[in-house]
N, C-alpha and C. Protein backbone atom coordinates (compact mmCIF):
# COMPACT_ATOMS: atom_id res chain seq x y z
N UNK A 1 194.26 -42.46 -5.69
CA UNK A 1 195.30 -42.74 -6.65
C UNK A 1 196.27 -41.58 -6.71
N UNK A 2 197.51 -41.90 -6.83
CA UNK A 2 198.52 -40.86 -6.92
C UNK A 2 198.56 -40.31 -8.33
N UNK A 3 199.05 -39.10 -8.42
CA UNK A 3 199.15 -38.43 -9.71
C UNK A 3 200.59 -38.04 -9.94
N UNK A 4 201.04 -38.18 -11.16
CA UNK A 4 202.41 -37.83 -11.50
C UNK A 4 202.41 -36.98 -12.75
N UNK A 5 203.29 -36.00 -12.78
CA UNK A 5 203.40 -35.16 -13.97
C UNK A 5 204.62 -35.53 -14.79
N UNK A 6 205.30 -36.58 -14.42
CA UNK A 6 206.48 -36.99 -15.18
C UNK A 6 206.06 -37.60 -16.49
N UNK A 7 206.73 -37.22 -17.53
CA UNK A 7 206.45 -37.76 -18.85
C UNK A 7 207.64 -38.55 -19.32
N UNK A 8 207.39 -39.66 -19.94
CA UNK A 8 208.44 -40.46 -20.55
C UNK A 8 208.41 -40.13 -22.03
N UNK A 9 209.40 -39.37 -22.55
CA UNK A 9 209.38 -38.99 -23.96
C UNK A 9 209.29 -40.18 -24.89
N UNK A 10 209.79 -41.31 -24.45
CA UNK A 10 209.73 -42.50 -25.31
C UNK A 10 208.30 -42.96 -25.52
N UNK A 11 207.40 -42.71 -24.56
CA UNK A 11 206.01 -43.12 -24.72
C UNK A 11 205.38 -42.51 -25.97
N UNK A 12 205.73 -41.29 -26.28
CA UNK A 12 205.13 -40.62 -27.43
C UNK A 12 205.56 -41.26 -28.74
N UNK A 13 206.69 -41.95 -28.74
CA UNK A 13 207.19 -42.55 -29.96
C UNK A 13 206.82 -44.02 -30.09
N UNK A 14 206.39 -44.63 -29.00
CA UNK A 14 206.05 -46.05 -29.04
C UNK A 14 204.76 -46.26 -29.83
N UNK A 15 204.71 -47.33 -30.61
CA UNK A 15 203.45 -47.63 -31.29
C UNK A 15 202.40 -48.05 -30.27
N UNK A 16 201.17 -48.02 -30.68
CA UNK A 16 200.09 -48.48 -29.83
C UNK A 16 200.33 -49.94 -29.49
N UNK A 17 199.74 -50.45 -28.41
CA UNK A 17 199.97 -51.83 -28.02
C UNK A 17 199.68 -52.83 -29.12
N UNK A 18 198.84 -52.51 -30.06
CA UNK A 18 198.54 -53.43 -31.15
C UNK A 18 199.66 -53.47 -32.17
N UNK A 19 200.68 -52.62 -32.00
CA UNK A 19 201.79 -52.59 -32.93
C UNK A 19 201.62 -51.55 -34.02
N UNK A 20 200.60 -50.73 -33.93
CA UNK A 20 200.39 -49.68 -34.93
C UNK A 20 200.00 -48.40 -34.21
N UNK A 21 200.17 -47.29 -34.89
CA UNK A 21 199.70 -46.03 -34.31
C UNK A 21 198.20 -45.92 -34.52
N UNK A 22 197.55 -45.11 -33.75
CA UNK A 22 196.10 -45.02 -33.76
C UNK A 22 195.57 -43.87 -34.59
N UNK A 23 195.92 -43.83 -35.85
CA UNK A 23 195.42 -42.76 -36.71
C UNK A 23 193.91 -42.83 -36.90
N UNK A 24 193.32 -43.98 -36.69
CA UNK A 24 191.87 -44.11 -36.86
C UNK A 24 191.11 -43.27 -35.84
N UNK A 25 191.72 -42.98 -34.71
CA UNK A 25 191.10 -42.17 -33.67
C UNK A 25 191.97 -40.95 -33.43
N UNK A 26 191.58 -39.81 -33.97
CA UNK A 26 192.42 -38.62 -33.88
C UNK A 26 192.78 -38.23 -32.45
N UNK A 27 191.89 -38.47 -31.50
CA UNK A 27 192.17 -38.08 -30.12
C UNK A 27 193.24 -38.94 -29.45
N UNK A 28 193.59 -40.07 -30.02
CA UNK A 28 194.56 -40.94 -29.37
C UNK A 28 195.89 -40.24 -29.15
N UNK A 29 196.28 -39.36 -30.06
CA UNK A 29 197.53 -38.63 -29.86
C UNK A 29 197.42 -37.70 -28.65
N UNK A 30 196.29 -37.06 -28.50
CA UNK A 30 196.07 -36.19 -27.33
C UNK A 30 196.02 -37.02 -26.05
N UNK A 31 195.29 -38.13 -26.08
CA UNK A 31 195.23 -38.98 -24.90
C UNK A 31 196.63 -39.43 -24.49
N UNK A 32 197.44 -39.78 -25.46
CA UNK A 32 198.80 -40.25 -25.18
C UNK A 32 199.62 -39.15 -24.50
N UNK A 33 199.47 -37.92 -24.98
CA UNK A 33 200.21 -36.80 -24.37
C UNK A 33 199.74 -36.52 -22.95
N UNK A 34 198.46 -36.71 -22.69
CA UNK A 34 197.86 -36.22 -21.44
C UNK A 34 197.50 -37.29 -20.42
N UNK A 35 197.66 -38.58 -20.72
CA UNK A 35 197.11 -39.60 -19.83
C UNK A 35 197.68 -39.56 -18.42
N UNK A 36 198.91 -39.12 -18.26
CA UNK A 36 199.51 -39.05 -16.92
C UNK A 36 199.07 -37.80 -16.14
N UNK A 37 198.43 -36.86 -16.81
CA UNK A 37 198.05 -35.61 -16.16
C UNK A 37 196.61 -35.60 -15.65
N UNK A 38 195.85 -36.64 -15.92
CA UNK A 38 194.47 -36.66 -15.45
C UNK A 38 194.43 -37.12 -13.99
N UNK A 39 193.48 -36.62 -13.21
CA UNK A 39 193.43 -36.96 -11.78
C UNK A 39 193.34 -38.47 -11.51
N UNK A 40 192.79 -39.23 -12.44
CA UNK A 40 192.61 -40.66 -12.22
C UNK A 40 193.82 -41.50 -12.59
N UNK A 41 194.91 -40.87 -13.04
CA UNK A 41 196.11 -41.62 -13.44
C UNK A 41 196.63 -42.48 -12.29
N UNK A 42 196.93 -43.73 -12.58
CA UNK A 42 197.53 -44.64 -11.60
C UNK A 42 199.03 -44.68 -11.81
N UNK A 43 199.77 -44.24 -10.81
CA UNK A 43 201.23 -44.19 -10.89
C UNK A 43 201.78 -45.57 -11.25
N UNK A 44 202.73 -45.57 -12.15
CA UNK A 44 203.35 -46.81 -12.58
C UNK A 44 202.72 -47.43 -13.81
N UNK A 45 201.58 -46.92 -14.21
CA UNK A 45 200.93 -47.43 -15.41
C UNK A 45 201.49 -46.67 -16.61
N UNK A 46 201.51 -47.32 -17.75
CA UNK A 46 202.09 -46.75 -18.96
C UNK A 46 201.01 -46.57 -20.03
N UNK A 47 201.43 -45.98 -21.14
CA UNK A 47 200.51 -45.82 -22.26
C UNK A 47 199.99 -47.17 -22.72
N UNK A 48 200.81 -48.20 -22.66
CA UNK A 48 200.37 -49.54 -23.06
C UNK A 48 199.22 -50.04 -22.19
N UNK A 49 199.13 -49.53 -20.98
CA UNK A 49 198.01 -49.88 -20.10
C UNK A 49 196.77 -49.06 -20.43
N UNK A 50 196.97 -47.79 -20.75
CA UNK A 50 195.84 -46.88 -20.97
C UNK A 50 195.29 -46.91 -22.40
N UNK A 51 196.12 -47.14 -23.39
CA UNK A 51 195.65 -47.10 -24.78
C UNK A 51 194.45 -48.02 -25.02
N UNK A 52 194.47 -49.27 -24.53
CA UNK A 52 193.29 -50.12 -24.77
C UNK A 52 192.01 -49.55 -24.16
N UNK A 53 192.12 -48.84 -23.05
CA UNK A 53 190.92 -48.27 -22.42
C UNK A 53 190.35 -47.14 -23.27
N UNK A 54 191.22 -46.27 -23.76
CA UNK A 54 190.74 -45.19 -24.63
C UNK A 54 190.16 -45.77 -25.93
N UNK A 55 190.86 -46.74 -26.50
CA UNK A 55 190.38 -47.36 -27.74
C UNK A 55 189.03 -48.04 -27.51
N UNK A 56 188.91 -48.74 -26.40
CA UNK A 56 187.67 -49.44 -26.06
C UNK A 56 186.50 -48.45 -25.95
N UNK A 57 186.73 -47.33 -25.29
CA UNK A 57 185.68 -46.32 -25.17
C UNK A 57 185.24 -45.79 -26.52
N UNK A 58 186.21 -45.55 -27.41
CA UNK A 58 185.86 -45.05 -28.75
C UNK A 58 185.07 -46.10 -29.53
N UNK A 59 185.55 -47.32 -29.51
CA UNK A 59 184.91 -48.38 -30.29
C UNK A 59 183.51 -48.71 -29.76
N UNK A 60 183.39 -48.85 -28.46
CA UNK A 60 182.10 -49.22 -27.89
C UNK A 60 181.07 -48.11 -28.00
N UNK A 61 181.49 -46.88 -27.94
CA UNK A 61 180.56 -45.76 -28.12
C UNK A 61 179.92 -45.83 -29.49
N UNK A 62 180.70 -46.21 -30.48
CA UNK A 62 180.17 -46.32 -31.83
C UNK A 62 179.09 -47.39 -31.96
N UNK A 63 179.15 -48.38 -31.10
CA UNK A 63 178.17 -49.48 -31.14
C UNK A 63 177.04 -49.30 -30.14
N UNK A 64 176.95 -48.14 -29.52
CA UNK A 64 176.04 -47.96 -28.40
C UNK A 64 174.66 -47.42 -28.75
N UNK A 65 174.43 -47.11 -29.99
CA UNK A 65 173.15 -46.55 -30.42
C UNK A 65 172.80 -45.26 -29.67
N UNK A 66 173.81 -44.46 -29.36
CA UNK A 66 173.58 -43.16 -28.75
C UNK A 66 173.30 -43.14 -27.26
N UNK A 67 173.42 -44.28 -26.59
CA UNK A 67 173.16 -44.31 -25.14
C UNK A 67 174.23 -43.54 -24.39
N UNK A 68 173.87 -42.90 -23.28
CA UNK A 68 174.88 -42.26 -22.44
C UNK A 68 175.74 -43.32 -21.75
N UNK A 69 176.94 -42.93 -21.37
CA UNK A 69 177.90 -43.84 -20.75
C UNK A 69 177.28 -44.59 -19.57
N UNK A 70 176.58 -43.88 -18.72
CA UNK A 70 176.03 -44.48 -17.50
C UNK A 70 175.07 -45.63 -17.81
N UNK A 71 174.34 -45.55 -18.91
CA UNK A 71 173.42 -46.62 -19.27
C UNK A 71 174.14 -47.84 -19.82
N UNK A 72 175.33 -47.65 -20.33
CA UNK A 72 176.10 -48.75 -20.91
C UNK A 72 177.18 -49.27 -19.97
N UNK A 73 177.37 -48.62 -18.84
CA UNK A 73 178.53 -48.91 -17.99
C UNK A 73 178.62 -50.36 -17.52
N UNK A 74 177.53 -50.96 -17.11
CA UNK A 74 177.59 -52.34 -16.62
C UNK A 74 178.09 -53.28 -17.71
N UNK A 75 177.59 -53.11 -18.92
CA UNK A 75 178.05 -53.95 -20.03
C UNK A 75 179.51 -53.64 -20.38
N UNK A 76 179.88 -52.37 -20.32
CA UNK A 76 181.27 -52.00 -20.59
C UNK A 76 182.21 -52.63 -19.58
N UNK A 77 181.84 -52.61 -18.32
CA UNK A 77 182.67 -53.21 -17.27
C UNK A 77 182.86 -54.70 -17.52
N UNK A 78 181.79 -55.39 -17.89
CA UNK A 78 181.91 -56.83 -18.19
C UNK A 78 182.79 -57.06 -19.40
N UNK A 79 182.62 -56.23 -20.42
CA UNK A 79 183.40 -56.39 -21.65
C UNK A 79 184.86 -56.04 -21.50
N UNK A 80 185.20 -55.19 -20.52
CA UNK A 80 186.58 -54.77 -20.33
C UNK A 80 187.49 -55.96 -20.05
N UNK A 81 187.00 -56.95 -19.35
CA UNK A 81 187.83 -58.12 -19.04
C UNK A 81 188.38 -58.76 -20.31
N UNK A 82 187.59 -58.80 -21.36
CA UNK A 82 188.05 -59.39 -22.62
C UNK A 82 188.77 -58.38 -23.50
N UNK A 83 188.36 -57.13 -23.44
CA UNK A 83 188.91 -56.10 -24.34
C UNK A 83 190.26 -55.58 -23.89
N UNK A 84 190.61 -55.73 -22.64
CA UNK A 84 191.81 -55.08 -22.11
C UNK A 84 193.11 -55.63 -22.63
N UNK A 85 193.11 -56.83 -23.16
CA UNK A 85 194.36 -57.40 -23.68
C UNK A 85 195.41 -57.46 -22.59
N UNK A 86 196.58 -56.88 -22.86
CA UNK A 86 197.69 -56.92 -21.90
C UNK A 86 197.66 -55.74 -20.92
N UNK A 87 196.65 -54.90 -21.00
CA UNK A 87 196.56 -53.76 -20.08
C UNK A 87 196.46 -54.27 -18.64
N UNK A 88 197.17 -53.60 -17.75
CA UNK A 88 197.13 -53.96 -16.33
C UNK A 88 196.03 -53.23 -15.57
N UNK A 89 195.25 -52.41 -16.26
CA UNK A 89 194.20 -51.65 -15.59
C UNK A 89 193.00 -52.53 -15.26
N UNK A 90 192.54 -52.45 -14.02
CA UNK A 90 191.27 -53.07 -13.69
C UNK A 90 190.17 -52.09 -14.13
N UNK A 91 188.91 -52.49 -13.98
CA UNK A 91 187.83 -51.62 -14.46
C UNK A 91 187.84 -50.28 -13.74
N UNK A 92 188.08 -50.26 -12.45
CA UNK A 92 188.07 -48.99 -11.70
C UNK A 92 189.13 -48.03 -12.24
N UNK A 93 190.28 -48.55 -12.65
CA UNK A 93 191.33 -47.71 -13.21
C UNK A 93 191.02 -47.31 -14.65
N UNK A 94 190.45 -48.23 -15.41
CA UNK A 94 190.17 -47.99 -16.83
C UNK A 94 188.95 -47.11 -17.05
N UNK A 95 188.00 -47.16 -16.14
CA UNK A 95 186.72 -46.47 -16.31
C UNK A 95 186.85 -45.01 -16.72
N UNK A 96 187.68 -44.19 -16.04
CA UNK A 96 187.75 -42.78 -16.45
C UNK A 96 188.25 -42.59 -17.89
N UNK A 97 189.19 -43.42 -18.32
CA UNK A 97 189.69 -43.31 -19.69
C UNK A 97 188.63 -43.76 -20.69
N UNK A 98 187.95 -44.86 -20.38
CA UNK A 98 186.88 -45.34 -21.26
C UNK A 98 185.79 -44.28 -21.36
N UNK A 99 185.40 -43.71 -20.22
CA UNK A 99 184.35 -42.69 -20.21
C UNK A 99 184.78 -41.44 -20.98
N UNK A 100 186.03 -41.01 -20.83
CA UNK A 100 186.50 -39.83 -21.56
C UNK A 100 186.44 -40.06 -23.06
N UNK A 101 186.92 -41.21 -23.51
CA UNK A 101 186.90 -41.51 -24.94
C UNK A 101 185.46 -41.66 -25.44
N UNK A 102 184.62 -42.30 -24.65
CA UNK A 102 183.20 -42.45 -24.99
C UNK A 102 182.54 -41.08 -25.18
N UNK A 103 182.75 -40.20 -24.21
CA UNK A 103 182.13 -38.87 -24.28
C UNK A 103 182.69 -38.03 -25.41
N UNK A 104 183.99 -38.16 -25.70
CA UNK A 104 184.56 -37.45 -26.85
C UNK A 104 183.94 -37.94 -28.15
N UNK A 105 183.78 -39.25 -28.28
CA UNK A 105 183.17 -39.82 -29.49
C UNK A 105 181.71 -39.39 -29.61
N UNK A 106 181.01 -39.33 -28.49
CA UNK A 106 179.62 -38.89 -28.50
C UNK A 106 179.52 -37.43 -28.95
N UNK A 107 180.41 -36.59 -28.44
CA UNK A 107 180.41 -35.17 -28.83
C UNK A 107 180.71 -35.01 -30.31
N UNK A 108 181.65 -35.81 -30.82
CA UNK A 108 181.96 -35.75 -32.26
C UNK A 108 180.76 -36.16 -33.08
N UNK A 109 180.07 -37.22 -32.66
CA UNK A 109 178.90 -37.69 -33.40
C UNK A 109 177.80 -36.63 -33.44
N UNK A 110 177.66 -35.89 -32.38
CA UNK A 110 176.63 -34.84 -32.33
C UNK A 110 176.98 -33.67 -33.24
N UNK A 111 178.27 -33.44 -33.46
CA UNK A 111 178.69 -32.33 -34.32
C UNK A 111 178.75 -32.71 -35.79
N UNK A 112 178.62 -33.98 -36.09
CA UNK A 112 178.68 -34.43 -37.50
C UNK A 112 177.31 -34.65 -38.07
């Protein structure tokens, strides 16, 4: 996958794909700033494509009963088809974002 460091300043001002900002997940602002800088970024994809993946990782981690990502991955991959909404990411593209959000949520849970 190609990587791009170009940022679209308008992306930072756009609401989340659901039509609202993601204050419920504090890391969403960081993910939005950095999603194009991660090695797994797919050129041509936008925040509207990536936001559902990060949100999905956060939400599903909360329902995982503390399992590591690898133990839940098969179910997450199946669920992504329904959870992705209008995102153009397939599971291979979404997986790194879902895993990052999952692991961030897991780390937060361990510190609380």
